[in-house]
Amino acid sequence: MDDEDRDFEHSELSGSFSRDGETVDVEIYRYADTLDPWQLVVIDLSSGGCTAWQETFATDLEAYDAFITAVEADGMAIFAGRRPSAQH
């Protein structure tokens, strides 16, 4: 089966996150029905740009913690207007 034809499982930790007047969509996912590591992508809802982590995570909570750590360290502005790119 091609990767494009596979279904994804989204973490319950996925969803909108707002701070400092900015809102992003946090997507934490992996291939459905697997024990594959979790992927993390943050989408800026105002521009449609995204930030994708190159690393993967053993748990969805580890992925969410990586997102929160980035927000605490750099603020929400790091996600604003990003073109699709790999980060972190």
Protein backbone atom coordinates (compact mmCIF):
# COMPACT_ATOMS: atom_id res chain seq x y z
CA MET A 1 0.00 0.00 0.00
CA ASP A 2 1.33 3.47 -0.88
CA ASP A 3 1.82 5.87 2.01
CA GLU A 4 -0.62 8.23 0.28
CA ASP A 5 -3.39 5.62 0.59
CA ARG A 6 -2.91 4.97 4.31
CA ASP A 7 -5.18 6.34 7.02
CA PHE A 8 -3.90 8.40 9.92
CA GLU A 9 -4.67 8.27 13.62
CA HIS A 10 -4.84 11.72 15.22
CA SER A 11 -4.00 12.21 18.87
CA GLU A 12 -6.60 13.60 21.24
CA LEU A 13 -3.96 16.26 21.99
CA SER A 14 -4.36 17.64 18.46
CA GLY A 15 -6.43 20.77 18.00
CA SER A 16 -6.43 24.54 18.12
CA PHE A 17 -4.09 26.34 20.49
CA SER A 18 -4.26 30.09 21.19
CA ARG A 19 -1.88 32.42 22.97
CA ASP A 20 -0.89 36.07 22.61
CA GLY A 21 -3.65 36.69 20.05
CA GLU A 22 -2.33 33.97 17.73
CA THR A 23 -4.07 30.65 16.98
CA VAL A 24 -2.46 27.58 15.47
CA ASP A 25 -3.67 24.08 14.73
CA VAL A 26 -1.52 21.42 16.42
CA GLU A 27 -1.55 18.15 14.48
CA ILE A 28 -0.12 15.08 16.21
CA TYR A 29 -0.60 11.93 14.16
CA ARG A 30 0.74 8.56 13.01
CA TYR A 31 -0.37 5.84 10.61
CA ALA A 32 -3.55 4.20 11.84
CA ASP A 33 -3.40 0.76 13.46
CA THR A 34 0.37 0.93 13.99
CA LEU A 35 2.77 1.58 16.80
CA ASP A 36 4.72 3.99 14.58
CA PRO A 37 6.15 7.09 16.25
CA TRP A 38 4.06 10.25 16.36
CA GLN A 39 4.59 13.18 13.95
CA LEU A 40 4.11 16.84 14.91
CA VAL A 41 2.99 19.65 12.58
CA VAL A 42 1.82 23.13 13.60
CA ILE A 43 -0.34 25.09 11.12
CA ASP A 44 -0.69 28.86 11.39
CA LEU A 45 -4.42 29.44 10.85
CA SER A 46 -3.97 33.05 9.72
CA SER A 47 -1.53 32.30 6.89
CA GLY A 48 -1.85 28.56 6.27
CA GLY A 49 1.89 28.15 6.75
CA CYS A 50 3.17 25.18 8.69
CA THR A 51 6.06 24.03 10.81
CA ALA A 52 6.86 20.31 10.80
CA TRP A 53 9.22 18.70 13.27
CA GLN A 54 11.78 16.40 11.64
CA GLU A 55 12.03 14.26 14.74
CA THR A 56 9.34 11.79 15.70
CA PHE A 57 8.04 11.02 19.17
CA ALA A 58 7.43 7.79 21.08
CA THR A 59 4.19 9.15 22.55
CA ASP A 60 1.70 11.82 21.59
CA LEU A 61 2.36 13.52 24.93
CA GLU A 62 6.06 13.85 24.06
CA ALA A 63 5.06 15.51 20.78
CA TYR A 64 2.73 17.93 22.57
CA ASP A 65 5.43 18.71 25.15
CA ALA A 66 7.84 19.57 22.29
CA PHE A 67 5.26 22.01 20.92
CA ILE A 68 4.72 23.63 24.34
CA THR A 69 8.48 23.87 24.89
CA ALA A 70 8.84 25.72 21.56
CA VAL A 71 6.02 28.11 22.47
CA GLU A 72 7.50 28.79 25.91
CA ALA A 73 10.99 29.37 24.47
CA ASP A 74 10.14 31.40 21.35
CA GLY A 75 6.50 32.49 21.56
CA MET A 76 3.75 32.00 19.00
CA ALA A 77 5.42 34.29 16.46
CA ILE A 78 7.73 31.43 15.42
CA PHE A 79 4.77 29.81 13.66
CA ALA A 80 3.39 32.93 11.96
CA GLY A 81 3.50 32.94 8.19
CA ARG A 82 5.76 29.91 7.80
CA ARG A 83 5.81 28.21 4.47
CA PRO A 84 5.81 24.42 4.70
CA SER A 85 9.19 23.54 6.13
CA ALA A 86 10.87 21.21 8.56
CA GLN A 87 11.89 22.59 11.92
CA HIS A 88 13.31 21.41 15.22
